[in-house]
């Protein structure tokens, strides 16, 4: 039981766990922003090309 308590204490004191979580959260936010930007850009480009195509005789 003492070994388990020592391992838990070492894990809580270690900086590796929280750092990895912070990087994972940052990466997730970057991916979400990129997907939103790509979706918006694609929709606007589609509208622009559709309008240009309709304007042709």
Protein backbone atom coordinates (compact mmCIF):
# COMPACT_ATOMS: atom_id res chain seq x y z
CA UNK A 1 0.00 0.00 0.00
CA UNK A 2 2.88 2.34 0.76
CA UNK A 3 4.31 1.71 -2.72
CA UNK A 4 1.03 2.77 -4.31
CA UNK A 5 0.97 5.96 -2.23
CA UNK A 6 4.55 6.76 -3.25
CA UNK A 7 3.71 6.23 -6.94
CA UNK A 8 0.63 8.45 -6.65
CA UNK A 9 2.65 11.17 -4.93
CA UNK A 10 5.36 11.02 -7.61
CA UNK A 11 2.73 11.25 -10.35
CA UNK A 12 1.08 14.29 -8.76
CA UNK A 13 4.40 16.08 -8.25
CA UNK A 14 5.61 15.28 -11.78
CA UNK A 15 5.20 18.03 -14.38
CA UNK A 16 5.00 15.66 -17.37
CA UNK A 17 1.32 14.78 -16.99
CA UNK A 18 -0.10 18.32 -16.87
CA UNK A 19 2.20 19.48 -19.66
CA UNK A 20 1.01 16.70 -21.97
CA UNK A 21 -2.61 17.56 -21.18
CA UNK A 22 -2.00 21.24 -21.90
CA UNK A 23 -0.43 20.41 -25.26
CA UNK A 24 -3.33 18.09 -26.12
CA UNK A 25 -5.87 20.82 -25.31
CA UNK A 26 -3.94 23.38 -27.37
CA UNK A 27 -3.74 20.96 -30.30
CA UNK A 28 -7.48 20.25 -30.09
CA UNK A 29 -8.29 23.98 -30.10
CA UNK A 30 -6.00 24.59 -33.08
CA UNK A 31 -7.65 21.75 -35.01
CA UNK A 32 -11.14 23.09 -34.22
CA UNK A 33 -10.21 26.61 -35.38
CA UNK A 34 -8.61 25.26 -38.57
CA UNK A 35 -11.64 23.13 -39.41
CA UNK A 36 -13.95 26.08 -38.84
CA UNK A 37 -11.83 28.33 -41.04
CA UNK A 38 -11.60 25.74 -43.82
CA UNK A 39 -15.36 25.16 -43.73
CA UNK A 40 -16.12 28.88 -43.88
CA UNK A 41 -13.60 29.46 -46.65
CA UNK A 42 -14.96 26.52 -48.66
CA UNK A 43 -18.54 27.74 -48.35
CA UNK A 44 -17.61 31.26 -49.43
CA UNK A 45 -15.53 29.96 -52.35
CA UNK A 46 -18.40 27.73 -53.47
CA UNK A 47 -20.80 30.69 -53.37
CA UNK A 48 -18.36 32.85 -55.34
CA UNK A 49 -17.86 30.23 -58.06
CA UNK A 50 -21.59 29.56 -58.26
CA UNK A 51 -22.32 33.28 -58.70
CA UNK A 52 -19.60 33.57 -61.34
CA UNK A 53 -20.93 30.52 -63.17
CA UNK A 54 -24.48 31.89 -63.14
CA UNK A 55 -23.29 35.25 -64.47
CA UNK A 56 -21.80 33.66 -67.59
CA UNK A 57 -24.07 33.60 -70.65
